């Protein structure tokens, strides 16, 4: 499970690759993404890549209009 804030997308647009191998995405909410890690070729997470869909959350103009940037924030990765 990956936890954070302001995640967007769904299981079809959220991808986790470990060692170049795509893992199954089970669920995506605004605060977490859950994956089944079933196909790995190495024990290290150094090669892990996590992709979310591209876009901005609802009401983003309230923050970006003041010169601030808004990004999803990764808080933890539990495997």
Protein backbone atom coordinates (compact mmCIF):
# COMPACT_ATOMS: atom_id res chain seq x y z
CA UNK A 1 0.00 0.00 0.00
CA UNK A 2 1.20 3.48 -0.87
CA UNK A 3 -0.21 6.28 1.28
CA UNK A 4 -0.18 10.04 0.77
CA UNK A 5 -2.43 12.95 -0.09
CA UNK A 6 -4.18 14.26 -3.19
CA UNK A 7 -3.83 11.06 -5.22
CA UNK A 8 -5.98 10.94 -8.34
CA UNK A 9 -6.92 8.41 -10.97
CA UNK A 10 -8.13 4.85 -10.70
CA UNK A 11 -6.80 1.31 -11.13
CA UNK A 12 -6.50 1.74 -14.89
CA UNK A 13 -4.32 4.87 -14.67
CA UNK A 14 -2.16 4.14 -11.60
CA UNK A 15 0.87 1.93 -12.18
CA UNK A 16 3.62 0.48 -10.00
CA UNK A 17 6.67 -1.08 -11.66
CA UNK A 18 9.26 -3.02 -9.67
CA UNK A 19 12.33 -4.14 -11.60
CA UNK A 20 10.58 -3.12 -14.82
CA UNK A 21 7.60 -5.40 -14.14
CA UNK A 22 4.08 -4.00 -13.84
CA UNK A 23 2.28 -4.97 -10.62
CA UNK A 24 -1.52 -5.22 -10.28
CA UNK A 25 -3.28 -2.10 -8.95
CA UNK A 26 -6.22 -3.12 -6.72
CA UNK A 27 -7.58 0.20 -5.44
CA UNK A 28 -6.90 3.96 -5.57
CA UNK A 29 -8.36 6.57 -3.22
CA UNK A 30 -7.32 10.17 -2.58
CA UNK A 31 -5.06 8.96 0.24
CA UNK A 32 -3.86 5.49 -0.81
CA UNK A 33 -3.11 3.10 -3.64
CA UNK A 34 -3.08 -0.66 -3.05
CA UNK A 35 -1.16 -3.10 -5.22
CA UNK A 36 -0.62 -6.86 -5.41
CA UNK A 37 3.11 -7.37 -5.80
CA UNK A 38 3.39 -10.73 -7.52
CA UNK A 39 6.12 -10.41 -10.12
CA UNK A 40 9.50 -9.16 -8.96
CA UNK A 41 12.97 -10.01 -10.15
CA UNK A 42 14.91 -8.38 -7.31
CA UNK A 43 14.50 -7.67 -3.60
CA UNK A 44 15.42 -3.99 -3.82
CA UNK A 45 12.82 -1.24 -4.15
CA UNK A 46 15.46 1.06 -5.68
CA UNK A 47 14.09 0.33 -9.15
CA UNK A 48 10.42 0.87 -8.19
CA UNK A 49 8.50 3.45 -10.23
CA UNK A 50 5.03 4.68 -9.30
CA UNK A 51 2.85 6.56 -11.80
CA UNK A 52 -0.45 8.36 -11.23
CA UNK A 53 -2.67 9.90 -13.89
CA UNK A 54 -1.97 13.48 -14.95
CA UNK A 55 -4.28 16.18 -13.74
CA UNK A 56 -5.11 18.69 -11.05
CA UNK A 57 -7.51 18.20 -8.15
CA UNK A 58 -10.81 20.01 -7.90
CA UNK A 59 -10.48 23.66 -6.74
CA UNK A 60 -6.75 23.73 -7.51
CA UNK A 61 -7.01 27.36 -8.64
CA UNK A 62 -7.50 28.43 -5.01
CA UNK A 63 -3.88 27.44 -4.36
CA UNK A 64 -2.15 27.80 -7.73
CA UNK A 65 -3.62 31.30 -8.13
CA UNK A 66 -1.37 32.42 -5.29
CA UNK A 67 1.83 31.19 -6.95
CA UNK A 68 2.02 27.90 -5.05
CA UNK A 69 2.46 24.49 -6.64
CA UNK A 70 0.33 21.46 -5.86
CA UNK A 71 1.64 17.89 -6.16
CA UNK A 72 0.62 14.49 -4.81
CA UNK A 73 2.71 13.79 -1.72
CA UNK A 74 4.03 10.29 -0.98
CA UNK A 75 3.92 9.58 2.75
CA UNK A 76 4.76 5.88 2.96
CA UNK A 77 5.17 2.66 1.03
CA UNK A 78 4.36 -0.56 2.90
CA UNK A 79 5.33 -3.86 1.27
